């Protein structure tokens, strides 16, 4: 073989080798494109102390943290948050959003609602994770999510929330189930629990934080339900007492008029009979006075319950306002 032929053969092999390497690299870039982009984003992202705290308290593992940071999460105040997260309905407070591959979290600072930011962060991280799944992975996962929802659909609050998402985010049902179940449901199918272990080292941390901040509203609601029941009972009792009192007063007035008429017409045969009949009327009058005082006491108790109810409602509204991003502060002049 001539030297020229050897050189040609070597050149062909080199060319083929380079082409194979380029094809392999292209395939690698296609297959791992998202991961590569995520890694570059994570390298460029510098989390704040507060963002790091959200990760630590939520129970995310390294993979969950990676996806969270790849979404460049930001804690935002009211005005900035509303710019990034448009509110579709006025019936539900928006606490976070995954918008244009980025996570925005409404910066709720009230200590009574401790945990709400961590739950929101985890919820949105799972949205980000869901978008990174392949179609085959989604098909398998969605079946598990729907099976889990079958066990939850009788939960009124959960089903109402899903109805909200069905209205405002059509086509995103399983995406939302993925985030809600992952952050709110303690016990689930073991296979689904294993799936969530891809993102959490201790998922029960975020479930506990969700229960903690939701519990604040539940305590207020329970208190309000109890007060409302007392108000309704008190109102019914007062209404009956007033009706009975009114009837008794009318009857006594009628009997007093008859007694006076009889006394004027010398109906009574003796002073003793007169005094006896009069004493009966006096006793009935005293009884009615006691009844009137009882009614007034009942009204005072009713008024106190109304004050307690209003105070409870005010406290509840304050808390709801804390998670209502639409309540932007008035602009300064």
C-alpha atoms as a PDB file:
ATOM      1  CA  UNK A   1       0.000   0.000   0.000  1.00  0.00           C
ATOM      2  CA  UNK A   2       1.372   3.362  -0.989  1.00  0.00           C
ATOM      3  CA  UNK A   3       1.925   6.103   1.535  1.00  0.00           C
ATOM      4  CA  UNK A   4      -0.769   8.137  -0.158  1.00  0.00           C
ATOM      5  CA  UNK A   5      -3.327   5.362   0.249  1.00  0.00           C
ATOM      6  CA  UNK A   6      -2.351   5.008   3.893  1.00  0.00           C
ATOM      7  CA  UNK A   7      -2.843   8.724   4.429  1.00  0.00           C
ATOM      8  CA  UNK A   8      -6.243   8.613   2.679  1.00  0.00           C
ATOM      9  CA  UNK A   9      -7.377   5.688   4.829  1.00  0.00           C
ATOM     10  CA  UNK A  10      -6.176   7.427   7.983  1.00  0.00           C
ATOM     11  CA  UNK A  11      -8.020  10.590   6.941  1.00  0.00           C
ATOM     12  CA  UNK A  12     -11.236   8.680   6.326  1.00  0.00           C
ATOM     13  CA  UNK A  13     -11.004   6.963   9.716  1.00  0.00           C
ATOM     14  CA  UNK A  14     -10.328  10.304  11.398  1.00  0.00           C
ATOM     15  CA  UNK A  15     -13.273  11.895   9.647  1.00  0.00           C
ATOM     16  CA  UNK A  16     -15.585   9.026  10.594  1.00  0.00           C
ATOM     17  CA  UNK A  17     -14.321   9.180  14.181  1.00  0.00           C
ATOM     18  CA  UNK A  18     -14.950  12.919  14.372  1.00  0.00           C
ATOM     19  CA  UNK A  19     -18.423  12.462  12.883  1.00  0.00           C
ATOM     20  CA  UNK A  20     -19.236   9.710  15.368  1.00  0.00           C
ATOM     21  CA  UNK A  21     -18.043  11.884  18.241  1.00  0.00           C
ATOM     22  CA  UNK A  22     -20.128  14.784  16.985  1.00  0.00           C
ATOM     23  CA  UNK A  23     -23.192  12.540  16.588  1.00  0.00           C
ATOM     24  CA  UNK A  24     -22.716  11.166  20.098  1.00  0.00           C
ATOM     25  CA  UNK A  25     -22.252  14.662  21.498  1.00  0.00           C
ATOM     26  CA  UNK A  26     -25.350  15.895  19.625  1.00  0.00           C
ATOM     27  CA  UNK A  27     -27.397  12.975  20.956  1.00  0.00           C
ATOM     28  CA  UNK A  28     -26.053  13.619  24.450  1.00  0.00           C
ATOM     29  CA  UNK A  29     -27.014  17.285  24.194  1.00  0.00           C
ATOM     30  CA  UNK A  30     -30.496  16.388  22.958  1.00  0.00           C
ATOM     31  CA  UNK A  31     -31.108  13.781  25.649  1.00  0.00           C
ATOM     32  CA  UNK A  32     -29.613  15.781  28.505  1.00  0.00           C
ATOM     33  CA  UNK A  33     -30.366  19.253  27.180  1.00  0.00           C
ATOM     34  CA  UNK A  34     -32.662  20.166  30.111  1.00  0.00           C
ATOM     35  CA  UNK A  35     -30.224  18.852  32.702  1.00  0.00           C
ATOM     36  CA  UNK A  36     -27.350  20.764  31.143  1.00  0.00           C
ATOM     37  CA  UNK A  37     -29.385  23.965  31.013  1.00  0.00           C
ATOM     38  CA  UNK A  38     -30.478  23.411  34.609  1.00  0.00           C
ATOM     39  CA  UNK A  39     -26.920  22.900  35.755  1.00  0.00           C
ATOM     40  CA  UNK A  40     -25.766  26.096  34.075  1.00  0.00           C
ATOM     41  CA  UNK A  41     -28.682  27.971  35.691  1.00  0.00           C
ATOM     42  CA  UNK A  42     -27.900  26.537  39.136  1.00  0.00           C
ATOM     43  CA  UNK A  43     -24.236  27.540  38.796  1.00  0.00           C
ATOM     44  CA  UNK A  44     -25.331  31.091  37.996  1.00  0.00           C
ATOM     45  CA  UNK A  45     -28.035  31.303  40.699  1.00  0.00           C
ATOM     46  CA  UNK A  46     -27.165  32.569  44.170  1.00  0.00           C
ATOM     47  CA  UNK A  47     -29.867  31.708  46.722  1.00  0.00           C
ATOM     48  CA  UNK A  48     -30.584  34.085  49.586  1.00  0.00           C
ATOM     49  CA  UNK A  49     -30.475  32.989  53.202  1.00  0.00           C
ATOM     50  CA  UNK A  50     -34.273  32.884  53.250  1.00  0.00           C
ATOM     51  CA  UNK A  51     -34.423  30.690  50.132  1.00  0.00           C
ATOM     52  CA  UNK A  52     -31.893  28.285  51.658  1.00  0.00           C
ATOM     53  CA  UNK A  53     -34.021  28.159  54.802  1.00  0.00           C
ATOM     54  CA  UNK A  54     -37.090  27.203  52.751  1.00  0.00           C
ATOM     55  CA  UNK A  55     -35.185  24.262  51.290  1.00  0.00           C
ATOM     56  CA  UNK A  56     -33.909  23.085  54.645  1.00  0.00           C
ATOM     57  CA  UNK A  57     -37.251  23.284  56.431  1.00  0.00           C
ATOM     58  CA  UNK A  58     -39.222  21.705  53.588  1.00  0.00           C
ATOM     59  CA  UNK A  59     -37.352  18.402  53.617  1.00  0.00           C
ATOM     60  CA  UNK A  60     -36.155  18.624  49.998  1.00  0.00           C
ATOM     61  CA  UNK A  61     -33.284  16.346  49.043  1.00  0.00           C
ATOM     62  CA  UNK A  62     -30.423  17.346  46.738  1.00  0.00           C
ATOM     63  CA  UNK A  63     -32.428  16.634  43.593  1.00  0.00           C
ATOM     64  CA  UNK A  64     -35.423  18.632  44.804  1.00  0.00           C
ATOM     65  CA  UNK A  65     -33.090  21.453  45.780  1.00  0.00           C
ATOM     66  CA  UNK A  66     -31.437  21.289  42.339  1.00  0.00           C
ATOM     67  CA  UNK A  67     -34.777  21.588  40.514  1.00  0.00           C
ATOM     68  CA  UNK A  68     -35.859  24.358  42.885  1.00  0.00           C
ATOM     69  CA  UNK A  69     -32.687  26.378  42.292  1.00  0.00           C
ATOM     70  CA  UNK A  70     -32.866  25.670  38.540  1.00  0.00           C
ATOM     71  CA  UNK A  71     -36.174  27.569  38.669  1.00  0.00           C
ATOM     72  CA  UNK A  72     -34.424  30.591  40.237  1.00  0.00           C
ATOM     73  CA  UNK A  73     -36.958  31.001  43.075  1.00  0.00           C
ATOM     74  CA  UNK A  74     -37.678  34.474  44.435  1.00  0.00           C
ATOM     75  CA  UNK A  75     -39.560  35.700  47.463  1.00  0.00           C
ATOM     76  CA  UNK A  76     -41.593  38.676  46.304  1.00  0.00           C
ATOM     77  CA  UNK A  77     -43.566  41.421  48.012  1.00  0.00           C
ATOM     78  CA  UNK A  78     -47.109  42.224  46.900  1.00  0.00           C
ATOM     79  CA  UNK A  79     -46.543  44.495  43.896  1.00  0.00           C
ATOM     80  CA  UNK A  80     -43.687  42.519  42.358  1.00  0.00           C
ATOM     81  CA  UNK A  81     -45.454  39.236  43.015  1.00  0.00           C
ATOM     82  CA  UNK A  82     -48.613  40.409  41.257  1.00  0.00           C
ATOM     83  CA  UNK A  83     -46.573  41.404  38.215  1.00  0.00           C
ATOM     84  CA  UNK A  84     -45.252  37.864  37.877  1.00  0.00           C
ATOM     85  CA  UNK A  85     -48.287  35.872  39.012  1.00  0.00           C
ATOM     86  CA  UNK A  86     -51.532  37.039  37.476  1.00  0.00           C
ATOM     87  CA  UNK A  87     -54.631  36.178  39.500  1.00  0.00           C
ATOM     88  CA  UNK A  88     -57.215  34.303  37.461  1.00  0.00           C
ATOM     89  CA  UNK A  89     -60.042  34.284  40.035  1.00  0.00           C
ATOM     90  CA  UNK A  90     -60.770  36.500  42.994  1.00  0.00           C
ATOM     91  CA  UNK A  91     -62.054  33.590  45.085  1.00  0.00           C
ATOM     92  CA  UNK A  92     -58.708  32.012  45.913  1.00  0.00           C
ATOM     93  CA  UNK A  93     -55.513  33.581  47.188  1.00  0.00           C
ATOM     94  CA  UNK A  94     -52.443  32.961  45.052  1.00  0.00           C
ATOM     95  CA  UNK A  95     -49.339  32.210  47.116  1.00  0.00           C
ATOM     96  CA  UNK A  96     -46.924  31.222  44.382  1.00  0.00           C
ATOM     97  CA  UNK A  97     -46.554  30.483  40.704  1.00  0.00           C
ATOM     98  CA  UNK A  98     -44.293  28.708  38.243  1.00  0.00           C
ATOM     99  CA  UNK A  99     -44.094  31.196  35.412  1.00  0.00           C
ATOM    100  CA  UNK A 100     -41.777  31.032  32.395  1.00  0.00           C
ATOM    101  CA  UNK A 101     -39.646  28.369  34.119  1.00  0.00           C
ATOM    102  CA  UNK A 102     -39.218  30.499  37.231  1.00  0.00           C
ATOM    103  CA  UNK A 103     -40.708  30.186  40.708  1.00  0.00           C
ATOM    104  CA  UNK A 104     -42.192  33.170  42.541  1.00  0.00           C
ATOM    105  CA  UNK A 105     -43.300  32.924  46.172  1.00  0.00           C
ATOM    106  CA  UNK A 106     -45.474  35.465  47.945  1.00  0.00           C
ATOM    107  CA  UNK A 107     -43.489  36.655  50.952  1.00  0.00           C
ATOM    108  CA  UNK A 108     -45.941  36.035  53.808  1.00  0.00           C
ATOM    109  CA  UNK A 109     -44.188  37.202  56.982  1.00  0.00           C
ATOM    110  CA  UNK A 110     -46.877  36.808  59.666  1.00  0.00           C
ATOM    111  CA  UNK A 111     -45.465  34.395  62.264  1.00  0.00           C
ATOM    112  CA  UNK A 112     -48.904  32.844  62.778  1.00  0.00           C
ATOM    113  CA  UNK A 113     -48.678  31.498  59.239  1.00  0.00           C
ATOM    114  CA  UNK A 114     -45.288  29.889  59.702  1.00  0.00           C
ATOM    115  CA  UNK A 115     -44.786  27.212  57.058  1.00  0.00           C
ATOM    116  CA  UNK A 116     -46.840  28.750  54.268  1.00  0.00           C
ATOM    117  CA  UNK A 117     -43.767  29.855  52.284  1.00  0.00           C
ATOM    118  CA  UNK A 118     -42.124  26.431  52.578  1.00  0.00           C
ATOM    119  CA  UNK A 119     -45.303  24.702  51.393  1.00  0.00           C
ATOM    120  CA  UNK A 120     -45.593  27.118  48.479  1.00  0.00           C
ATOM    121  CA  UNK A 121     -41.932  26.606  47.567  1.00  0.00           C
ATOM    122  CA  UNK A 122     -42.339  22.827  47.550  1.00  0.00           C
ATOM    123  CA  UNK A 123     -45.615  23.046  45.629  1.00  0.00           C
ATOM    124  CA  UNK A 124     -44.001  25.108  42.879  1.00  0.00           C
ATOM    125  CA  UNK A 125     -40.847  22.963  42.863  1.00  0.00           C
ATOM    126  CA  UNK A 126     -43.035  19.959  42.089  1.00  0.00           C
ATOM    127  CA  UNK A 127     -44.581  21.880  39.193  1.00  0.00           C
ATOM    128  CA  UNK A 128     -41.087  22.462  37.867  1.00  0.00           C
ATOM    129  CA  UNK A 129     -40.268  18.774  38.370  1.00  0.00           C
ATOM    130  CA  UNK A 130     -43.432  17.683  36.555  1.00  0.00           C
ATOM    131  CA  UNK A 131     -42.531  19.681  33.448  1.00  0.00           C
ATOM    132  CA  UNK A 132     -39.213  17.815  33.312  1.00  0.00           C
ATOM    133  CA  UNK A 133     -40.810  14.362  33.150  1.00  0.00           C
ATOM    134  CA  UNK A 134     -41.033  12.472  29.864  1.00  0.00           C
ATOM    135  CA  UNK A 135     -44.424  11.659  28.380  1.00  0.00           C
ATOM    136  CA  UNK A 136     -44.077   7.994  29.403  1.00  0.00           C
ATOM    137  CA  UNK A 137     -43.196   9.040  32.953  1.00  0.00           C
ATOM    138  CA  UNK A 138     -46.208  11.363  33.091  1.00  0.00           C
ATOM    139  CA  UNK A 139     -48.594   8.669  31.849  1.00  0.00           C
ATOM    140  CA  UNK A 140     -47.472   6.251  34.568  1.00  0.00           C
ATOM    141  CA  UNK A 141     -47.447   8.946  37.261  1.00  0.00           C
ATOM    142  CA  UNK A 142     -50.832  10.410  36.291  1.00  0.00           C
ATOM    143  CA  UNK A 143     -52.492   7.022  36.790  1.00  0.00           C
ATOM    144  CA  UNK A 144     -51.104   6.856  40.325  1.00  0.00           C
ATOM    145  CA  UNK A 145     -52.170  10.439  41.035  1.00  0.00           C
ATOM    146  CA  UNK A 146     -55.724   9.839  39.810  1.00  0.00           C
ATOM    147  CA  UNK A 147     -55.947   6.655  41.887  1.00  0.00           C
ATOM    148  CA  UNK A 148     -54.841   8.620  44.937  1.00  0.00           C
ATOM    149  CA  UNK A 149     -57.393  11.351  44.206  1.00  0.00           C
ATOM    150  CA  UNK A 150     -60.164   8.733  44.194  1.00  0.00           C
ATOM    151  CA  UNK A 151     -59.422   8.304  47.903  1.00  0.00           C
ATOM    152  CA  UNK A 152     -59.506  12.080  48.461  1.00  0.00           C
ATOM    153  CA  UNK A 153     -62.439  13.274  46.353  1.00  0.00           C
ATOM    154  CA  UNK A 154     -64.858  13.051  49.293  1.00  0.00           C
ATOM    155  CA  UNK A 155     -62.705  15.637  51.075  1.00  0.00           C
ATOM    156  CA  UNK A 156     -64.777  18.781  50.429  1.00  0.00           C
ATOM    157  CA  UNK A 157     -61.890  21.260  50.705  1.00  0.00           C
ATOM    158  CA  UNK A 158     -59.623  19.201  48.442  1.00  0.00           C
ATOM    159  CA  UNK A 159     -62.310  18.623  45.799  1.00  0.00           C
ATOM    160  CA  UNK A 160     -63.253  22.324  45.796  1.00  0.00           C
ATOM    161  CA  UNK A 161     -59.609  23.246  45.275  1.00  0.00           C
ATOM    162  CA  UNK A 162     -59.375  20.830  42.342  1.00  0.00           C
ATOM    163  CA  UNK A 163     -62.562  22.352  40.882  1.00  0.00           C
ATOM    164  CA  UNK A 164     -60.875  25.752  41.114  1.00  0.00           C
ATOM    165  CA  UNK A 165     -57.843  24.477  39.210  1.00  0.00           C
ATOM    166  CA  UNK A 166     -60.086  22.790  36.621  1.00  0.00           C
ATOM    167  CA  UNK A 167     -61.671  26.190  35.941  1.00  0.00           C
ATOM    168  CA  UNK A 168     -58.538  28.304  35.975  1.00  0.00           C
ATOM    169  CA  UNK A 169     -55.962  25.901  34.558  1.00  0.00           C
ATOM    170  CA  UNK A 170     -57.706  23.530  32.154  1.00  0.00           C
ATOM    171  CA  UNK A 171     -55.482  20.646  31.096  1.00  0.00           C
ATOM    172  CA  UNK A 172     -53.256  20.955  34.178  1.00  0.00           C
ATOM    173  CA  UNK A 173     -55.257  18.690  36.484  1.00  0.00           C
ATOM    174  CA  UNK A 174     -52.571  16.037  37.017  1.00  0.00           C
ATOM    175  CA  UNK A 175     -49.857  18.674  37.242  1.00  0.00           C
ATOM    176  CA  UNK A 176     -51.784  20.272  40.117  1.00  0.00           C
ATOM    177  CA  UNK A 177     -52.556  16.925  41.741  1.00  0.00           C
ATOM    178  CA  UNK A 178     -48.826  16.192  41.603  1.00  0.00           C
ATOM    179  CA  UNK A 179     -48.060  19.297  43.681  1.00  0.00           C
ATOM    180  CA  UNK A 180     -51.045  19.104  46.046  1.00  0.00           C
ATOM    181  CA  UNK A 181     -50.718  15.434  46.917  1.00  0.00           C
ATOM    182  CA  UNK A 182     -46.966  15.734  47.329  1.00  0.00           C
ATOM    183  CA  UNK A 183     -47.206  18.577  49.848  1.00  0.00           C
ATOM    184  CA  UNK A 184     -50.491  17.897  51.671  1.00  0.00           C
ATOM    185  CA  UNK A 185     -51.175  14.159  51.892  1.00  0.00           C
ATOM    186  CA  UNK A 186     -49.475  12.245  54.674  1.00  0.00           C
ATOM    187  CA  UNK A 187     -50.289   8.639  53.778  1.00  0.00           C
ATOM    188  CA  UNK A 188     -50.330   7.447  50.187  1.00  0.00           C
ATOM    189  CA  UNK A 189     -49.692   4.479  47.929  1.00  0.00           C
ATOM    190  CA  UNK A 190     -46.140   3.186  48.661  1.00  0.00           C
ATOM    191  CA  UNK A 191     -45.226   3.339  44.968  1.00  0.00           C
ATOM    192  CA  UNK A 192     -46.256   6.995  44.836  1.00  0.00           C
ATOM    193  CA  UNK A 193     -44.367   7.664  48.065  1.00  0.00           C
ATOM    194  CA  UNK A 194     -41.282   6.121  46.475  1.00  0.00           C
ATOM    195  CA  UNK A 195     -41.715   8.442  43.516  1.00  0.00           C
ATOM    196  CA  UNK A 196     -41.786  11.538  45.759  1.00  0.00           C
ATOM    197  CA  UNK A 197     -38.579  10.382  47.432  1.00  0.00           C
ATOM    198  CA  UNK A 198     -36.898  11.612  44.242  1.00  0.00           C
ATOM    199  CA  UNK A 199     -37.452  15.141  45.569  1.00  0.00           C
ATOM    200  CA  UNK A 200     -37.738  14.865  49.358  1.00  0.00           C
ATOM    201  CA  UNK A 201     -35.503  13.237  51.937  1.00  0.00           C
ATOM    202  CA  UNK A 202     -38.323  13.680  54.480  1.00  0.00           C
ATOM    203  CA  UNK A 203     -41.608  14.584  52.802  1.00  0.00           C
ATOM    204  CA  UNK A 204     -43.442  14.522  56.124  1.00  0.00           C
ATOM    205  CA  UNK A 205     -41.720  17.808  57.010  1.00  0.00           C
ATOM    206  CA  UNK A 206     -43.626  19.683  54.343  1.00  0.00           C
ATOM    207  CA  UNK A 207     -46.868  17.847  55.119  1.00  0.00           C
ATOM    208  CA  UNK A 208     -46.496  18.881  58.777  1.00  0.00           C
ATOM    209  CA  UNK A 209     -45.827  22.521  57.844  1.00  0.00           C
ATOM    210  CA  UNK A 210     -48.890  22.514  55.605  1.00  0.00           C
ATOM    211  CA  UNK A 211     -51.037  21.128  58.420  1.00  0.00           C
ATOM    212  CA  UNK A 212     -49.549  23.701  60.799  1.00  0.00           C
ATOM    213  CA  UNK A 213     -50.473  26.804  58.850  1.00  0.00           C
ATOM    214  CA  UNK A 214     -53.786  25.404  57.602  1.00  0.00           C
ATOM    215  CA  UNK A 215     -54.534  24.500  61.229  1.00  0.00           C
ATOM    216  CA  UNK A 216     -54.529  28.188  62.179  1.00  0.00           C
ATOM    217  CA  UNK A 217     -57.465  28.785  59.851  1.00  0.00           C
ATOM    218  CA  UNK A 218     -59.173  25.576  60.954  1.00  0.00           C
ATOM    219  CA  UNK A 219     -59.014  26.617  64.621  1.00  0.00           C
ATOM    220  CA  UNK A 220     -60.581  29.971  63.778  1.00  0.00           C
ATOM    221  CA  UNK A 221     -63.228  28.283  61.645  1.00  0.00           C
ATOM    222  CA  UNK A 222     -64.046  25.779  64.388  1.00  0.00           C
ATOM    223  CA  UNK A 223     -64.320  28.615  66.891  1.00  0.00           C
ATOM    224  CA  UNK A 224     -66.534  30.565  64.517  1.00  0.00           C
ATOM    225  CA  UNK A 225     -68.763  27.523  63.915  1.00  0.00           C
ATOM    226  CA  UNK A 226     -69.142  27.023  67.677  1.00  0.00           C
ATOM    227  CA  UNK A 227     -69.951  30.703  68.263  1.00  0.00           C
ATOM    228  CA  UNK A 228     -72.406  30.721  65.358  1.00  0.00           C
ATOM    229  CA  UNK A 229     -74.173  27.683  66.794  1.00  0.00           C
ATOM    230  CA  UNK A 230     -74.432  29.421  70.184  1.00  0.00           C
ATOM    231  CA  UNK A 231     -75.769  32.570  68.500  1.00  0.00           C
ATOM    232  CA  UNK A 232     -78.419  30.582  66.656  1.00  0.00           C
ATOM    233  CA  UNK A 233     -79.430  28.753  69.843  1.00  0.00           C
ATOM    234  CA  UNK A 234     -79.543  32.001  71.807  1.00  0.00           C
ATOM    235  CA  UNK A 235     -81.623  33.692  69.113  1.00  0.00           C
ATOM    236  CA  UNK A 236     -84.095  30.792  69.040  1.00  0.00           C
ATOM    237  CA  UNK A 237     -84.349  30.774  72.860  1.00  0.00           C
ATOM    238  CA  UNK A 238     -84.876  34.552  73.039  1.00  0.00           C
ATOM    239  CA  UNK A 239     -87.500  34.433  70.291  1.00  0.00           C
ATOM    240  CA  UNK A 240     -89.449  31.756  72.157  1.00  0.00           C
ATOM    241  CA  UNK A 241     -89.105  33.546  75.501  1.00  0.00           C
ATOM    242  CA  UNK A 242     -90.306  36.820  73.973  1.00  0.00           C
ATOM    243  CA  UNK A 243     -93.258  35.093  72.370  1.00  0.00           C
ATOM    244  CA  UNK A 244     -94.172  33.351  75.625  1.00  0.00           C
ATOM    245  CA  UNK A 245     -93.705  36.598  77.560  1.00  0.00           C
ATOM    246  CA  UNK A 246     -95.880  38.564  75.140  1.00  0.00           C
ATOM    247  CA  UNK A 247     -98.663  35.990  75.370  1.00  0.00           C
ATOM    248  CA  UNK A 248     -98.432  35.905  79.175  1.00  0.00           C
ATOM    249  CA  UNK A 249     -98.526  39.726  79.386  1.00  0.00           C
ATOM    250  CA  UNK A 250    -101.593  39.863  77.155  1.00  0.00           C
ATOM    251  CA  UNK A 251    -103.354  37.245  79.254  1.00  0.00           C
ATOM    252  CA  UNK A 252    -102.434  39.008  82.514  1.00  0.00           C
ATOM    253  CA  UNK A 253    -103.662  42.360  81.176  1.00  0.00           C
ATOM    254  CA  UNK A 254    -106.941  40.719  80.249  1.00  0.00           C
ATOM    255  CA  UNK A 255    -107.253  39.064  83.670  1.00  0.00           C
ATOM    256  CA  UNK A 256    -106.402  42.337  85.477  1.00  0.00           C
ATOM    257  CA  UNK A 257    -109.072  44.167  83.463  1.00  0.00           C
ATOM    258  CA  UNK A 258    -111.618  41.517  84.380  1.00  0.00           C
ATOM    259  CA  UNK A 259    -110.535  41.650  88.046  1.00  0.00           C
ATOM    260  CA  UNK A 260    -110.954  45.441  88.126  1.00  0.00           C
ATOM    261  CA  UNK A 261    -114.347  45.147  86.484  1.00  0.00           C
ATOM    262  CA  UNK A 262    -115.426  42.547  89.039  1.00  0.00           C
ATOM    263  CA  UNK A 263    -114.141  44.682  91.931  1.00  0.00           C
ATOM    264  CA  UNK A 264    -116.119  47.684  90.637  1.00  0.00           C
ATOM    265  CA  UNK A 265    -119.299  45.674  90.404  1.00  0.00           C
ATOM    266  CA  UNK A 266    -119.045  44.215  93.933  1.00  0.00           C
ATOM    267  CA  UNK A 267    -118.438  40.770  92.467  1.00  0.00           C
ATOM    268  CA  UNK A 268    -116.353  39.589  95.409  1.00  0.00           C
ATOM    269  CA  UNK A 269    -118.356  38.376  98.388  1.00  0.00           C
ATOM    270  CA  UNK A 270    -115.647  39.196 100.916  1.00  0.00           C
ATOM    271  CA  UNK A 271    -112.429  41.140 101.394  1.00  0.00           C
ATOM    272  CA  UNK A 272    -110.597  37.823 101.780  1.00  0.00           C
ATOM    273  CA  UNK A 273    -111.750  36.657  98.337  1.00  0.00           C
ATOM    274  CA  UNK A 274    -110.747  40.012  96.843  1.00  0.00           C
ATOM    275  CA  UNK A 275    -107.301  39.846  98.444  1.00  0.00           C
ATOM    276  CA  UNK A 276    -106.775  36.243  97.329  1.00  0.00           C
ATOM    277  CA  UNK A 277    -107.603  36.946  93.673  1.00  0.00           C
ATOM    278  CA  UNK A 278    -105.457  40.065  93.757  1.00  0.00           C
ATOM    279  CA  UNK A 279    -102.484  38.130  95.224  1.00  0.00           C
ATOM    280  CA  UNK A 280    -102.682  35.643  92.344  1.00  0.00           C
ATOM    281  CA  UNK A 281    -102.384  38.498  89.854  1.00  0.00           C
ATOM    282  CA  UNK A 282     -99.511  40.067  91.789  1.00  0.00           C
ATOM    283  CA  UNK A 283     -97.645  36.706  91.786  1.00  0.00           C
ATOM    284  CA  UNK A 284     -98.158  36.346  88.045  1.00  0.00           C
ATOM    285  CA  UNK A 285     -96.860  39.882  87.520  1.00  0.00           C
ATOM    286  CA  UNK A 286     -93.749  39.115  89.574  1.00  0.00           C
ATOM    287  CA  UNK A 287     -93.198  35.951  87.563  1.00  0.00           C
ATOM    288  CA  UNK A 288     -93.413  37.962  84.346  1.00  0.00           C
ATOM    289  CA  UNK A 289     -90.894  40.462  85.700  1.00  0.00           C
ATOM    290  CA  UNK A 290     -88.496  37.584  86.372  1.00  0.00           C
ATOM    291  CA  UNK A 291     -89.140  36.319  82.848  1.00  0.00           C
ATOM    292  CA  UNK A 292     -88.424  39.805  81.458  1.00  0.00           C
ATOM    293  CA  UNK A 293     -85.108  39.940  83.326  1.00  0.00           C
ATOM    294  CA  UNK A 294     -84.207  36.495  81.971  1.00  0.00           C
ATOM    295  CA  UNK A 295     -84.939  37.719  78.453  1.00  0.00           C
ATOM    296  CA  UNK A 296     -82.772  40.807  78.984  1.00  0.00           C
ATOM    297  CA  UNK A 297     -79.963  38.609  80.302  1.00  0.00           C
ATOM    298  CA  UNK A 298     -80.347  36.380  77.254  1.00  0.00           C
ATOM    299  CA  UNK A 299     -80.155  39.403  74.964  1.00  0.00           C
ATOM    300  CA  UNK A 300     -77.010  40.604  76.752  1.00  0.00           C
ATOM    301  CA  UNK A 301     -75.460  37.143  76.276  1.00  0.00           C
ATOM    302  CA  UNK A 302     -76.520  37.201  72.622  1.00  0.00           C
ATOM    303  CA  UNK A 303     -74.908  40.613  72.134  1.00  0.00           C
ATOM    304  CA  UNK A 304     -71.685  39.340  73.755  1.00  0.00           C
ATOM    305  CA  UNK A 305     -71.665  36.371  71.364  1.00  0.00           C
ATOM    306  CA  UNK A 306     -72.085  38.739  68.411  1.00  0.00           C
ATOM    307  CA  UNK A 307     -69.100  40.777  69.634  1.00  0.00           C
ATOM    308  CA  UNK A 308     -67.052  37.570  69.978  1.00  0.00           C
ATOM    309  CA  UNK A 309     -68.156  36.442  66.520  1.00  0.00           C
ATOM    310  CA  UNK A 310     -67.174  39.771  64.968  1.00  0.00           C
ATOM    311  CA  UNK A 311     -63.777  39.714  66.692  1.00  0.00           C
ATOM    312  CA  UNK A 312     -63.195  36.187  65.417  1.00  0.00           C
ATOM    313  CA  UNK A 313     -64.254  37.206  61.916  1.00  0.00           C
ATOM    314  CA  UNK A 314     -61.918  40.206  62.038  1.00  0.00           C
ATOM    315  CA  UNK A 315     -59.013  37.981  63.089  1.00  0.00           C
ATOM    316  CA  UNK A 316     -59.802  35.517  60.320  1.00  0.00           C
ATOM    317  CA  UNK A 317     -59.999  38.305  57.770  1.00  0.00           C
ATOM    318  CA  UNK A 318     -56.637  39.672  58.888  1.00  0.00           C
ATOM    319  CA  UNK A 319     -55.046  36.287  58.315  1.00  0.00           C
ATOM    320  CA  UNK A 320     -56.702  35.869  54.940  1.00  0.00           C
ATOM    321  CA  UNK A 321     -55.517  39.345  54.007  1.00  0.00           C
ATOM    322  CA  UNK A 322     -51.975  38.225  54.832  1.00  0.00           C
ATOM    323  CA  UNK A 323     -52.140  35.619  52.075  1.00  0.00           C
ATOM    324  CA  UNK A 324     -54.087  37.779  49.627  1.00  0.00           C
ATOM    325  CA  UNK A 325     -51.574  39.228  47.201  1.00  0.00           C
ATOM    326  CA  UNK A 326     -54.257  41.379  45.555  1.00  0.00           C
ATOM    327  CA  UNK A 327     -54.215  43.691  48.583  1.00  0.00           C
ATOM    328  CA  UNK A 328     -51.316  45.800  47.445  1.00  0.00           C
ATOM    329  CA  UNK A 329     -50.380  48.739  49.656  1.00  0.00           C
ATOM    330  CA  UNK A 330     -51.521  52.171  48.531  1.00  0.00           C
ATOM    331  CA  UNK A 331     -48.952  53.909  46.310  1.00  0.00           C
ATOM    332  CA  UNK A 332     -46.983  56.688  47.960  1.00  0.00           C
ATOM    333  CA  UNK A 333     -46.987  60.202  46.558  1.00  0.00           C
END
